N, C-alpha and C. Protein backbone atom coordinates (compact mmCIF):
# COMPACT_ATOMS: atom_id res chain seq x y z
N MET A 1 1.29 -21.30 -22.00
CA MET A 1 0.81 -19.91 -22.05
C MET A 1 1.22 -19.31 -23.39
N SER A 2 0.28 -18.79 -24.11
CA SER A 2 0.56 -18.33 -25.46
C SER A 2 1.37 -17.05 -25.44
N HIS A 3 2.13 -16.85 -26.51
CA HIS A 3 2.97 -15.67 -26.62
C HIS A 3 2.15 -14.50 -27.14
N ASP A 4 2.28 -13.37 -26.51
CA ASP A 4 1.58 -12.16 -26.92
C ASP A 4 2.49 -11.37 -27.84
N PRO A 5 2.08 -11.16 -29.12
CA PRO A 5 2.96 -10.48 -30.08
C PRO A 5 3.12 -8.99 -29.79
N THR A 6 2.25 -8.39 -29.02
CA THR A 6 2.38 -6.96 -28.73
C THR A 6 3.46 -6.75 -27.68
N PRO A 7 4.11 -5.57 -27.68
CA PRO A 7 5.16 -5.31 -26.69
C PRO A 7 4.63 -5.41 -25.27
N SER A 8 5.37 -6.10 -24.41
CA SER A 8 4.96 -6.24 -23.01
C SER A 8 5.66 -5.25 -22.11
N TYR A 9 6.84 -4.79 -22.51
CA TYR A 9 7.62 -3.88 -21.68
C TYR A 9 8.19 -2.76 -22.56
N GLY A 10 8.89 -1.85 -21.94
CA GLY A 10 9.36 -0.68 -22.67
C GLY A 10 8.25 0.33 -22.91
N LEU A 11 7.13 0.17 -22.20
CA LEU A 11 5.99 1.06 -22.37
C LEU A 11 6.08 2.20 -21.34
N TRP A 12 7.03 3.08 -21.55
CA TRP A 12 7.34 4.09 -20.55
C TRP A 12 6.23 5.11 -20.38
N SER A 13 5.44 5.31 -21.43
CA SER A 13 4.30 6.22 -21.28
C SER A 13 3.31 5.66 -20.25
N LEU A 14 3.14 4.32 -20.23
CA LEU A 14 2.25 3.71 -19.24
C LEU A 14 2.85 3.80 -17.84
N VAL A 15 4.17 3.74 -17.74
CA VAL A 15 4.82 3.92 -16.44
C VAL A 15 4.46 5.29 -15.88
N VAL A 16 4.61 6.31 -16.72
CA VAL A 16 4.34 7.69 -16.29
C VAL A 16 2.86 7.87 -15.97
N ILE A 17 2.00 7.41 -16.87
CA ILE A 17 0.55 7.63 -16.70
C ILE A 17 0.05 6.93 -15.44
N ASN A 18 0.39 5.65 -15.26
CA ASN A 18 -0.09 4.92 -14.10
C ASN A 18 0.48 5.49 -12.80
N SER A 19 1.75 5.85 -12.82
CA SER A 19 2.35 6.45 -11.62
C SER A 19 1.62 7.73 -11.24
N LEU A 20 1.39 8.59 -12.23
CA LEU A 20 0.72 9.86 -11.95
C LEU A 20 -0.71 9.66 -11.48
N VAL A 21 -1.42 8.74 -12.13
CA VAL A 21 -2.83 8.52 -11.76
C VAL A 21 -2.94 8.10 -10.30
N PHE A 22 -2.13 7.11 -9.89
CA PHE A 22 -2.24 6.61 -8.52
C PHE A 22 -1.67 7.59 -7.50
N ILE A 23 -0.61 8.30 -7.87
CA ILE A 23 -0.03 9.28 -6.96
C ILE A 23 -1.00 10.44 -6.74
N ILE A 24 -1.59 10.94 -7.83
CA ILE A 24 -2.55 12.04 -7.71
C ILE A 24 -3.80 11.58 -6.95
N PHE A 25 -4.24 10.34 -7.23
CA PHE A 25 -5.40 9.79 -6.54
C PHE A 25 -5.12 9.71 -5.03
N ALA A 26 -3.94 9.21 -4.67
CA ALA A 26 -3.58 9.13 -3.25
C ALA A 26 -3.43 10.52 -2.65
N PHE A 27 -2.87 11.44 -3.41
CA PHE A 27 -2.70 12.81 -2.92
C PHE A 27 -4.04 13.46 -2.59
N SER A 28 -5.05 13.18 -3.42
CA SER A 28 -6.37 13.77 -3.19
C SER A 28 -6.99 13.29 -1.89
N PHE A 29 -6.55 12.11 -1.41
CA PHE A 29 -7.07 11.58 -0.16
C PHE A 29 -6.16 11.93 1.02
N ALA A 30 -4.85 11.84 0.81
CA ALA A 30 -3.91 12.04 1.93
C ALA A 30 -3.70 13.52 2.24
N LYS A 31 -3.68 14.36 1.20
CA LYS A 31 -3.50 15.81 1.36
C LYS A 31 -2.37 16.16 2.33
N PRO A 32 -1.11 15.81 1.98
CA PRO A 32 0.01 16.11 2.88
C PRO A 32 0.15 17.61 3.13
N GLN A 33 0.45 17.96 4.37
CA GLN A 33 0.59 19.37 4.73
C GLN A 33 1.93 19.64 5.40
N THR A 34 2.29 18.83 6.39
CA THR A 34 3.53 19.05 7.11
C THR A 34 4.70 18.38 6.38
N GLN A 35 5.91 18.70 6.82
CA GLN A 35 7.09 18.06 6.24
C GLN A 35 7.04 16.55 6.45
N ARG A 36 6.54 16.14 7.60
CA ARG A 36 6.41 14.71 7.89
C ARG A 36 5.41 14.05 6.93
N ASP A 37 4.31 14.74 6.65
CA ASP A 37 3.32 14.22 5.71
C ASP A 37 3.93 14.02 4.33
N TRP A 38 4.70 15.03 3.90
CA TRP A 38 5.31 14.95 2.58
C TRP A 38 6.35 13.83 2.50
N ARG A 39 7.05 13.61 3.62
CA ARG A 39 8.05 12.54 3.64
C ARG A 39 7.38 11.18 3.47
N SER A 40 6.31 10.94 4.19
CA SER A 40 5.62 9.67 4.09
C SER A 40 4.97 9.50 2.72
N PHE A 41 4.40 10.59 2.18
CA PHE A 41 3.77 10.51 0.87
C PHE A 41 4.82 10.32 -0.22
N GLY A 42 5.98 10.96 -0.06
CA GLY A 42 7.05 10.80 -1.04
C GLY A 42 7.56 9.37 -1.10
N ALA A 43 7.68 8.73 0.06
CA ALA A 43 8.13 7.34 0.09
C ALA A 43 7.10 6.43 -0.57
N PHE A 44 5.83 6.69 -0.31
CA PHE A 44 4.77 5.92 -0.96
C PHE A 44 4.81 6.12 -2.47
N SER A 45 5.04 7.34 -2.92
CA SER A 45 5.12 7.62 -4.36
C SER A 45 6.29 6.89 -5.00
N ALA A 46 7.43 6.84 -4.30
CA ALA A 46 8.60 6.13 -4.81
C ALA A 46 8.30 4.65 -4.99
N PHE A 47 7.54 4.09 -4.04
CA PHE A 47 7.13 2.68 -4.15
C PHE A 47 6.32 2.47 -5.42
N LEU A 48 5.37 3.36 -5.70
CA LEU A 48 4.53 3.22 -6.89
C LEU A 48 5.34 3.35 -8.17
N VAL A 49 6.27 4.29 -8.20
CA VAL A 49 7.10 4.47 -9.40
C VAL A 49 7.95 3.22 -9.65
N ALA A 50 8.54 2.67 -8.59
CA ALA A 50 9.34 1.45 -8.73
C ALA A 50 8.48 0.30 -9.23
N LEU A 51 7.28 0.20 -8.72
CA LEU A 51 6.36 -0.87 -9.12
C LEU A 51 6.01 -0.76 -10.60
N PHE A 52 5.54 0.41 -11.03
CA PHE A 52 5.09 0.56 -12.42
C PHE A 52 6.26 0.54 -13.41
N THR A 53 7.45 0.89 -12.94
CA THR A 53 8.62 0.78 -13.81
C THR A 53 8.86 -0.67 -14.20
N GLU A 54 8.69 -1.59 -13.24
CA GLU A 54 8.86 -3.01 -13.57
C GLU A 54 7.63 -3.59 -14.25
N MET A 55 6.47 -3.04 -13.96
CA MET A 55 5.24 -3.58 -14.56
C MET A 55 5.16 -3.28 -16.05
N TYR A 56 5.62 -2.09 -16.44
CA TYR A 56 5.47 -1.68 -17.83
C TYR A 56 6.78 -1.27 -18.51
N GLY A 57 7.80 -0.94 -17.72
CA GLY A 57 9.04 -0.44 -18.32
C GLY A 57 10.08 -1.52 -18.52
N PHE A 58 10.79 -1.86 -17.45
CA PHE A 58 11.86 -2.87 -17.55
C PHE A 58 11.66 -3.90 -16.45
N PRO A 59 11.40 -5.18 -16.78
CA PRO A 59 11.10 -6.21 -15.78
C PRO A 59 12.37 -6.74 -15.10
N LEU A 60 12.97 -5.92 -14.26
CA LEU A 60 14.24 -6.28 -13.63
C LEU A 60 14.14 -7.59 -12.84
N THR A 61 13.09 -7.74 -12.09
CA THR A 61 12.94 -8.96 -11.27
C THR A 61 12.90 -10.21 -12.14
N ILE A 62 12.15 -10.16 -13.23
CA ILE A 62 12.05 -11.32 -14.12
C ILE A 62 13.40 -11.62 -14.75
N TYR A 63 14.16 -10.60 -15.13
CA TYR A 63 15.48 -10.84 -15.70
C TYR A 63 16.42 -11.46 -14.67
N LEU A 64 16.40 -10.94 -13.46
CA LEU A 64 17.30 -11.46 -12.43
C LEU A 64 16.95 -12.89 -12.03
N LEU A 65 15.67 -13.23 -12.07
CA LEU A 65 15.22 -14.57 -11.68
C LEU A 65 14.94 -15.47 -12.88
N SER A 66 15.34 -15.03 -14.07
CA SER A 66 14.95 -15.75 -15.29
C SER A 66 15.44 -17.20 -15.29
N GLY A 67 16.66 -17.44 -14.83
CA GLY A 67 17.17 -18.82 -14.83
C GLY A 67 16.35 -19.72 -13.92
N TRP A 68 16.08 -19.25 -12.71
CA TRP A 68 15.30 -20.04 -11.75
C TRP A 68 13.87 -20.22 -12.23
N LEU A 69 13.26 -19.16 -12.78
CA LEU A 69 11.89 -19.25 -13.26
C LEU A 69 11.76 -20.22 -14.42
N ALA A 70 12.72 -20.18 -15.36
CA ALA A 70 12.66 -21.08 -16.52
C ALA A 70 12.81 -22.54 -16.09
N THR A 71 13.61 -22.78 -15.06
CA THR A 71 13.79 -24.15 -14.57
C THR A 71 12.56 -24.65 -13.83
N LYS A 72 11.97 -23.80 -12.99
CA LYS A 72 10.84 -24.22 -12.18
C LYS A 72 9.53 -24.25 -12.97
N PHE A 73 9.42 -23.38 -13.97
CA PHE A 73 8.17 -23.28 -14.72
C PHE A 73 8.45 -23.32 -16.22
N PRO A 74 8.87 -24.48 -16.73
CA PRO A 74 9.18 -24.61 -18.16
C PRO A 74 7.93 -24.38 -19.01
N GLY A 75 8.14 -23.75 -20.14
CA GLY A 75 7.02 -23.52 -21.05
C GLY A 75 6.30 -22.20 -20.84
N VAL A 76 6.64 -21.50 -19.75
CA VAL A 76 6.00 -20.21 -19.49
C VAL A 76 6.86 -19.10 -20.10
N ASP A 77 6.24 -18.26 -20.90
CA ASP A 77 6.95 -17.12 -21.49
C ASP A 77 6.92 -15.97 -20.49
N PHE A 78 8.00 -15.80 -19.74
CA PHE A 78 8.00 -14.78 -18.69
C PHE A 78 8.20 -13.37 -19.23
N LEU A 79 8.42 -13.24 -20.53
CA LEU A 79 8.46 -11.91 -21.11
C LEU A 79 7.09 -11.47 -21.61
N ALA A 80 6.10 -12.36 -21.53
CA ALA A 80 4.72 -11.96 -21.79
C ALA A 80 4.21 -11.24 -20.55
N HIS A 81 3.44 -10.21 -20.76
CA HIS A 81 3.05 -9.35 -19.65
C HIS A 81 2.25 -10.10 -18.59
N ASP A 82 1.36 -10.97 -19.00
CA ASP A 82 0.54 -11.70 -18.03
C ASP A 82 1.38 -12.53 -17.07
N SER A 83 2.56 -12.97 -17.52
CA SER A 83 3.42 -13.79 -16.66
C SER A 83 4.09 -12.98 -15.57
N GLY A 84 4.01 -11.66 -15.67
CA GLY A 84 4.55 -10.82 -14.61
C GLY A 84 3.75 -10.92 -13.32
N HIS A 85 2.54 -11.47 -13.41
CA HIS A 85 1.76 -11.77 -12.20
C HIS A 85 2.33 -13.06 -11.61
N LEU A 86 3.49 -12.93 -10.99
CA LEU A 86 4.28 -14.10 -10.61
C LEU A 86 3.57 -15.03 -9.64
N LEU A 87 2.82 -14.49 -8.71
CA LEU A 87 2.16 -15.36 -7.73
C LEU A 87 1.12 -16.25 -8.39
N GLU A 88 0.38 -15.72 -9.36
CA GLU A 88 -0.58 -16.56 -10.08
C GLU A 88 0.14 -17.69 -10.82
N VAL A 89 1.26 -17.35 -11.46
CA VAL A 89 2.03 -18.36 -12.19
C VAL A 89 2.60 -19.40 -11.23
N MET A 90 3.20 -18.95 -10.14
CA MET A 90 3.89 -19.86 -9.22
C MET A 90 2.92 -20.80 -8.50
N PHE A 91 1.68 -20.35 -8.30
CA PHE A 91 0.71 -21.20 -7.60
C PHE A 91 -0.25 -21.91 -8.56
N GLY A 92 0.09 -21.89 -9.86
CA GLY A 92 -0.61 -22.76 -10.80
C GLY A 92 -1.85 -22.20 -11.45
N TRP A 93 -2.13 -20.91 -11.30
CA TRP A 93 -3.29 -20.33 -11.97
C TRP A 93 -2.98 -20.18 -13.45
N ARG A 94 -3.79 -20.81 -14.30
CA ARG A 94 -3.50 -20.80 -15.73
C ARG A 94 -4.52 -20.01 -16.54
N GLY A 95 -5.49 -19.39 -15.86
CA GLY A 95 -6.45 -18.54 -16.56
C GLY A 95 -5.93 -17.12 -16.66
N ASN A 96 -6.83 -16.21 -17.00
CA ASN A 96 -6.48 -14.79 -17.05
C ASN A 96 -6.04 -14.35 -15.65
N PRO A 97 -4.80 -13.85 -15.50
CA PRO A 97 -4.30 -13.51 -14.15
C PRO A 97 -5.11 -12.42 -13.48
N HIS A 98 -5.82 -11.61 -14.26
CA HIS A 98 -6.63 -10.54 -13.66
C HIS A 98 -7.84 -11.09 -12.90
N PHE A 99 -8.14 -12.37 -13.13
CA PHE A 99 -9.23 -13.02 -12.40
C PHE A 99 -8.68 -14.06 -11.43
N GLY A 100 -7.38 -14.04 -11.21
CA GLY A 100 -6.76 -14.97 -10.29
C GLY A 100 -6.98 -14.55 -8.84
N PRO A 101 -6.78 -15.48 -7.91
CA PRO A 101 -7.05 -15.18 -6.49
C PRO A 101 -6.18 -14.07 -5.93
N PHE A 102 -4.91 -14.02 -6.32
CA PHE A 102 -4.03 -12.99 -5.78
C PHE A 102 -4.39 -11.61 -6.33
N HIS A 103 -4.79 -11.58 -7.61
CA HIS A 103 -5.16 -10.30 -8.21
C HIS A 103 -6.45 -9.79 -7.60
N ILE A 104 -7.41 -10.66 -7.34
CA ILE A 104 -8.66 -10.24 -6.71
C ILE A 104 -8.40 -9.73 -5.29
N ALA A 105 -7.58 -10.47 -4.53
CA ALA A 105 -7.21 -10.03 -3.19
C ALA A 105 -6.48 -8.70 -3.24
N SER A 106 -5.64 -8.54 -4.26
CA SER A 106 -4.90 -7.28 -4.45
C SER A 106 -5.86 -6.11 -4.63
N ASN A 107 -6.84 -6.29 -5.51
CA ASN A 107 -7.80 -5.21 -5.76
C ASN A 107 -8.56 -4.85 -4.49
N MET A 108 -8.93 -5.85 -3.70
CA MET A 108 -9.67 -5.60 -2.46
C MET A 108 -8.83 -4.79 -1.48
N LEU A 109 -7.55 -5.13 -1.36
CA LEU A 109 -6.67 -4.40 -0.45
C LEU A 109 -6.45 -2.97 -0.91
N ILE A 110 -6.25 -2.78 -2.22
CA ILE A 110 -6.02 -1.44 -2.75
C ILE A 110 -7.24 -0.55 -2.54
N ILE A 111 -8.42 -1.10 -2.86
CA ILE A 111 -9.66 -0.33 -2.67
C ILE A 111 -9.87 -0.01 -1.19
N ALA A 112 -9.63 -1.00 -0.33
CA ALA A 112 -9.77 -0.77 1.11
C ALA A 112 -8.81 0.30 1.59
N GLY A 113 -7.57 0.28 1.07
CA GLY A 113 -6.58 1.27 1.48
C GLY A 113 -7.00 2.68 1.11
N PHE A 114 -7.48 2.86 -0.12
CA PHE A 114 -7.93 4.20 -0.54
C PHE A 114 -9.17 4.63 0.24
N PHE A 115 -10.04 3.68 0.55
CA PHE A 115 -11.23 4.00 1.35
C PHE A 115 -10.81 4.49 2.74
N VAL A 116 -9.85 3.81 3.36
CA VAL A 116 -9.37 4.21 4.68
C VAL A 116 -8.73 5.59 4.62
N LEU A 117 -7.92 5.84 3.59
CA LEU A 117 -7.30 7.17 3.44
C LEU A 117 -8.34 8.27 3.35
N ALA A 118 -9.36 8.05 2.52
CA ALA A 118 -10.39 9.07 2.31
C ALA A 118 -11.17 9.31 3.60
N ALA A 119 -11.59 8.22 4.26
CA ALA A 119 -12.38 8.37 5.48
C ALA A 119 -11.57 9.01 6.60
N ALA A 120 -10.29 8.65 6.70
CA ALA A 120 -9.44 9.20 7.75
C ALA A 120 -9.21 10.69 7.55
N TRP A 121 -8.97 11.09 6.31
CA TRP A 121 -8.71 12.51 6.07
C TRP A 121 -9.92 13.36 6.44
N LYS A 122 -11.12 12.89 6.12
CA LYS A 122 -12.33 13.64 6.44
C LYS A 122 -12.45 13.89 7.94
N VAL A 123 -12.18 12.86 8.73
CA VAL A 123 -12.27 12.98 10.19
C VAL A 123 -11.16 13.87 10.72
N LEU A 124 -9.93 13.66 10.22
CA LEU A 124 -8.78 14.42 10.70
C LEU A 124 -8.92 15.90 10.38
N TYR A 125 -9.39 16.21 9.18
CA TYR A 125 -9.54 17.61 8.78
C TYR A 125 -10.52 18.34 9.70
N ALA A 126 -11.65 17.68 9.99
CA ALA A 126 -12.64 18.30 10.87
C ALA A 126 -12.08 18.50 12.28
N ALA A 127 -11.32 17.51 12.76
CA ALA A 127 -10.74 17.61 14.10
C ALA A 127 -9.70 18.72 14.18
N GLN A 128 -8.89 18.85 13.15
CA GLN A 128 -7.87 19.89 13.14
C GLN A 128 -8.50 21.29 13.12
N ARG A 129 -9.57 21.45 12.39
CA ARG A 129 -10.25 22.75 12.34
C ARG A 129 -10.82 23.13 13.70
N GLU A 130 -11.29 22.12 14.45
CA GLU A 130 -11.90 22.38 15.75
C GLU A 130 -10.91 22.22 16.90
N ARG A 131 -9.64 21.94 16.55
CA ARG A 131 -8.56 21.77 17.54
C ARG A 131 -8.95 20.76 18.62
N ARG A 132 -9.35 19.57 18.16
CA ARG A 132 -9.68 18.47 19.05
C ARG A 132 -9.07 17.19 18.50
N LEU A 133 -9.13 16.14 19.30
CA LEU A 133 -8.61 14.85 18.85
C LEU A 133 -9.53 14.23 17.81
N ALA A 134 -8.93 13.55 16.83
CA ALA A 134 -9.70 12.76 15.87
C ALA A 134 -9.88 11.36 16.47
N THR A 135 -11.10 11.03 16.84
CA THR A 135 -11.36 9.74 17.50
C THR A 135 -12.55 9.00 16.90
N SER A 136 -13.14 9.51 15.84
CA SER A 136 -14.29 8.86 15.23
C SER A 136 -13.90 8.25 13.89
N GLY A 137 -14.85 7.57 13.24
CA GLY A 137 -14.56 6.95 11.95
C GLY A 137 -13.43 5.95 12.07
N PRO A 138 -12.50 5.95 11.13
CA PRO A 138 -11.35 5.02 11.21
C PRO A 138 -10.53 5.22 12.48
N TYR A 139 -10.51 6.45 13.01
CA TYR A 139 -9.74 6.72 14.23
C TYR A 139 -10.34 6.06 15.46
N ALA A 140 -11.57 5.58 15.36
CA ALA A 140 -12.15 4.82 16.46
C ALA A 140 -11.62 3.39 16.48
N ARG A 141 -11.07 2.96 15.35
CA ARG A 141 -10.52 1.59 15.24
C ARG A 141 -9.02 1.54 15.46
N VAL A 142 -8.31 2.49 14.85
CA VAL A 142 -6.85 2.54 14.99
C VAL A 142 -6.42 3.99 15.13
N ARG A 143 -5.26 4.20 15.74
CA ARG A 143 -4.79 5.58 15.96
C ARG A 143 -4.13 6.19 14.72
N HIS A 144 -3.71 5.35 13.78
CA HIS A 144 -2.99 5.87 12.61
C HIS A 144 -3.56 5.28 11.33
N PRO A 145 -4.83 5.59 11.02
CA PRO A 145 -5.45 4.97 9.85
C PRO A 145 -4.83 5.39 8.52
N GLN A 146 -4.28 6.60 8.44
CA GLN A 146 -3.69 7.01 7.17
C GLN A 146 -2.46 6.17 6.83
N TYR A 147 -1.60 5.93 7.81
CA TYR A 147 -0.46 5.06 7.56
C TYR A 147 -0.92 3.64 7.26
N ALA A 148 -1.95 3.18 7.98
CA ALA A 148 -2.50 1.85 7.72
C ALA A 148 -3.04 1.76 6.29
N GLY A 149 -3.65 2.85 5.81
CA GLY A 149 -4.15 2.88 4.44
C GLY A 149 -3.04 2.74 3.42
N PHE A 150 -1.93 3.46 3.62
CA PHE A 150 -0.79 3.33 2.72
C PHE A 150 -0.26 1.89 2.70
N VAL A 151 -0.18 1.26 3.86
CA VAL A 151 0.33 -0.11 3.94
C VAL A 151 -0.62 -1.08 3.24
N LEU A 152 -1.92 -0.88 3.38
CA LEU A 152 -2.88 -1.73 2.68
C LEU A 152 -2.70 -1.63 1.16
N ILE A 153 -2.54 -0.42 0.66
CA ILE A 153 -2.37 -0.22 -0.78
C ILE A 153 -1.09 -0.89 -1.26
N MET A 154 0.01 -0.69 -0.54
CA MET A 154 1.27 -1.30 -0.94
C MET A 154 1.19 -2.82 -0.88
N SER A 155 0.52 -3.36 0.15
CA SER A 155 0.35 -4.81 0.25
C SER A 155 -0.43 -5.34 -0.95
N GLY A 156 -1.46 -4.60 -1.35
CA GLY A 156 -2.24 -5.01 -2.51
C GLY A 156 -1.40 -5.06 -3.77
N PHE A 157 -0.59 -4.04 -3.99
CA PHE A 157 0.25 -4.03 -5.19
C PHE A 157 1.30 -5.14 -5.14
N LEU A 158 1.80 -5.47 -3.96
CA LEU A 158 2.76 -6.56 -3.86
C LEU A 158 2.13 -7.89 -4.24
N LEU A 159 0.88 -8.11 -3.87
CA LEU A 159 0.18 -9.33 -4.28
C LEU A 159 -0.02 -9.37 -5.79
N GLN A 160 -0.28 -8.21 -6.35
CA GLN A 160 -0.58 -8.15 -7.78
C GLN A 160 0.66 -8.30 -8.64
N TRP A 161 1.75 -7.64 -8.23
CA TRP A 161 2.95 -7.62 -9.08
C TRP A 161 4.19 -7.53 -8.19
N PRO A 162 4.59 -8.63 -7.58
CA PRO A 162 5.75 -8.60 -6.68
C PRO A 162 7.05 -8.37 -7.44
N THR A 163 7.88 -7.49 -6.92
CA THR A 163 9.21 -7.27 -7.49
C THR A 163 10.24 -7.26 -6.37
N LEU A 164 11.48 -7.51 -6.71
CA LEU A 164 12.53 -7.52 -5.69
C LEU A 164 12.69 -6.15 -5.03
N ILE A 165 12.61 -5.10 -5.85
CA ILE A 165 12.80 -3.76 -5.31
C ILE A 165 11.68 -3.38 -4.35
N THR A 166 10.43 -3.63 -4.74
CA THR A 166 9.33 -3.26 -3.85
C THR A 166 9.27 -4.17 -2.63
N LEU A 167 9.72 -5.42 -2.76
CA LEU A 167 9.78 -6.29 -1.59
C LEU A 167 10.81 -5.78 -0.58
N VAL A 168 11.88 -5.18 -1.06
CA VAL A 168 12.87 -4.58 -0.16
C VAL A 168 12.33 -3.28 0.41
N MET A 169 11.67 -2.50 -0.42
CA MET A 169 11.16 -1.20 0.02
C MET A 169 10.05 -1.35 1.06
N PHE A 170 9.22 -2.37 0.93
CA PHE A 170 8.03 -2.49 1.76
C PHE A 170 8.35 -2.47 3.26
N PRO A 171 9.22 -3.36 3.78
CA PRO A 171 9.49 -3.31 5.22
C PRO A 171 10.16 -2.01 5.66
N ILE A 172 10.96 -1.42 4.77
CA ILE A 172 11.60 -0.14 5.11
C ILE A 172 10.54 0.95 5.28
N LEU A 173 9.57 0.97 4.37
CA LEU A 173 8.51 1.97 4.45
C LEU A 173 7.62 1.75 5.67
N VAL A 174 7.31 0.48 5.97
CA VAL A 174 6.51 0.19 7.15
C VAL A 174 7.23 0.68 8.40
N TYR A 175 8.54 0.41 8.48
CA TYR A 175 9.33 0.88 9.63
C TYR A 175 9.31 2.40 9.71
N MET A 176 9.42 3.06 8.56
CA MET A 176 9.40 4.52 8.54
C MET A 176 8.05 5.05 9.03
N TYR A 177 6.96 4.41 8.59
CA TYR A 177 5.63 4.84 9.03
C TYR A 177 5.45 4.66 10.54
N VAL A 178 5.98 3.57 11.07
CA VAL A 178 5.88 3.34 12.51
C VAL A 178 6.64 4.42 13.27
N ARG A 179 7.84 4.77 12.81
CA ARG A 179 8.61 5.82 13.47
C ARG A 179 7.91 7.17 13.37
N LEU A 180 7.36 7.48 12.20
CA LEU A 180 6.63 8.75 12.05
C LEU A 180 5.42 8.79 12.98
N ALA A 181 4.75 7.64 13.10
CA ALA A 181 3.58 7.58 13.98
C ALA A 181 3.98 7.83 15.43
N ARG A 182 5.10 7.25 15.86
CA ARG A 182 5.55 7.46 17.24
C ARG A 182 5.90 8.93 17.49
N ARG A 183 6.53 9.57 16.51
CA ARG A 183 6.85 10.99 16.67
C ARG A 183 5.57 11.82 16.77
N GLU A 184 4.60 11.50 15.93
CA GLU A 184 3.34 12.23 15.99
C GLU A 184 2.68 12.07 17.35
N GLU A 185 2.75 10.86 17.90
CA GLU A 185 2.10 10.62 19.18
C GLU A 185 2.76 11.45 20.29
N GLY A 186 4.07 11.61 20.21
CA GLY A 186 4.74 12.44 21.20
C GLY A 186 4.24 13.87 21.15
N GLU A 187 4.03 14.38 19.94
CA GLU A 187 3.54 15.75 19.80
C GLU A 187 2.10 15.89 20.29
N VAL A 188 1.26 14.88 19.96
CA VAL A 188 -0.14 14.95 20.38
C VAL A 188 -0.26 14.80 21.89
N LEU A 189 0.59 13.95 22.48
CA LEU A 189 0.61 13.82 23.94
C LEU A 189 0.94 15.14 24.61
N ALA A 190 1.89 15.86 24.03
CA ALA A 190 2.28 17.16 24.60
C ALA A 190 1.13 18.16 24.53
N GLU A 191 0.26 18.01 23.52
CA GLU A 191 -0.84 18.96 23.34
C GLU A 191 -2.09 18.56 24.13
N PHE A 192 -2.42 17.25 24.11
CA PHE A 192 -3.70 16.82 24.69
C PHE A 192 -3.55 16.03 26.00
N GLY A 193 -2.33 15.61 26.32
CA GLY A 193 -2.07 14.99 27.62
C GLY A 193 -2.92 13.77 27.92
N ASP A 194 -3.60 13.79 29.06
CA ASP A 194 -4.35 12.62 29.54
C ASP A 194 -5.47 12.21 28.59
N GLU A 195 -6.04 13.16 27.89
CA GLU A 195 -7.10 12.80 26.95
C GLU A 195 -6.57 11.84 25.88
N TYR A 196 -5.36 12.12 25.40
CA TYR A 196 -4.78 11.24 24.38
C TYR A 196 -4.31 9.93 25.00
N ARG A 197 -3.84 9.96 26.24
CA ARG A 197 -3.45 8.71 26.91
C ARG A 197 -4.64 7.76 27.04
N ARG A 198 -5.80 8.30 27.37
CA ARG A 198 -6.99 7.46 27.46
C ARG A 198 -7.36 6.90 26.08
N TYR A 199 -7.20 7.73 25.06
CA TYR A 199 -7.47 7.28 23.69
C TYR A 199 -6.49 6.17 23.29
N MET A 200 -5.23 6.33 23.65
CA MET A 200 -4.22 5.30 23.35
C MET A 200 -4.55 3.98 24.07
N ALA A 201 -5.06 4.09 25.29
CA ALA A 201 -5.33 2.89 26.08
C ALA A 201 -6.46 2.06 25.47
N ARG A 202 -7.40 2.71 24.82
CA ARG A 202 -8.55 1.96 24.28
C ARG A 202 -8.46 1.70 22.78
N THR A 203 -7.50 2.33 22.09
CA THR A 203 -7.43 2.22 20.63
C THR A 203 -6.05 1.74 20.19
N PRO A 204 -5.97 0.61 19.49
CA PRO A 204 -4.66 0.12 19.02
C PRO A 204 -4.06 1.04 17.97
N ALA A 205 -2.76 0.91 17.76
CA ALA A 205 -2.06 1.81 16.85
C ALA A 205 -2.38 1.54 15.38
N PHE A 206 -2.27 0.27 14.96
CA PHE A 206 -2.39 -0.04 13.53
C PHE A 206 -3.35 -1.18 13.22
N PHE A 207 -3.51 -2.12 14.15
CA PHE A 207 -4.33 -3.31 13.89
C PHE A 207 -5.60 -3.23 14.73
N PRO A 208 -6.76 -3.10 14.11
CA PRO A 208 -8.00 -2.92 14.87
C PRO A 208 -8.40 -4.17 15.64
N ARG A 209 -9.07 -3.93 16.76
CA ARG A 209 -9.72 -5.03 17.48
C ARG A 209 -11.15 -5.09 16.97
N TRP A 210 -11.48 -6.19 16.32
CA TRP A 210 -12.79 -6.26 15.68
C TRP A 210 -13.86 -6.75 16.63
N SER A 211 -13.50 -7.50 17.66
CA SER A 211 -14.51 -8.03 18.57
C SER A 211 -14.94 -6.97 19.57
N VAL A 212 -16.21 -7.00 19.92
CA VAL A 212 -16.73 -6.06 20.91
C VAL A 212 -16.07 -6.29 22.25
N ALA A 213 -15.88 -7.58 22.57
CA ALA A 213 -15.24 -7.92 23.85
C ALA A 213 -13.83 -7.37 23.92
N GLY A 214 -13.11 -7.43 22.77
CA GLY A 214 -11.75 -6.92 22.75
C GLY A 214 -11.70 -5.43 22.95
N ARG A 215 -12.68 -4.72 22.38
CA ARG A 215 -12.69 -3.26 22.52
C ARG A 215 -13.04 -2.86 23.96
N ARG A 216 -13.96 -3.62 24.57
CA ARG A 216 -14.32 -3.31 25.94
C ARG A 216 -13.17 -3.57 26.89
N ALA A 217 -12.40 -4.64 26.59
CA ALA A 217 -11.26 -4.97 27.43
C ALA A 217 -10.20 -3.91 27.37
N ALA A 218 -10.10 -3.21 26.18
CA ALA A 218 -9.11 -2.16 26.01
C ALA A 218 -9.45 -0.96 26.87
């Protein structure tokens, strides 16, 4: 892999710009309102800042794993920016990493996550204005599509640029989203009672049932 003479890291302006772009983009879809919303959005934002800090600022993961990486993959310049796509390197992809299988899968997950966020907010906003349950659109597939959207986006970024910090943060954030979802369900049950119980019985929390037979069985 050829050495890139341009700086690969220490690009703190790119850290700030990319963090702001994705945070503002997510904010435009998630539109946090309650304290709980802000907590979940803040955790997601922290994940993005940690990710872009290693992507463009300081490659902590590469430094910590430099000895192992140099032994397992001799001849690879891990201080070149393209080598930060560790999964492409580790699984033998030697072309442009932006066209590698993990990067393509990453883009698909990120786009899907933002699509779910946007579609879920539209349905939820209309339901809140009319003081009814949100059960159409993404809410017809899962009960918590906004949290599922955040997880899809984070999963995509992990495929694209895995780091030790974000790998640690990911399960913690997923656990936090599950707890927030359970708290929300308690509040909605208190407001809508049996109507929400019937919705819970036919609609999974986070993982959709794609088969018609599975939905009918629910």
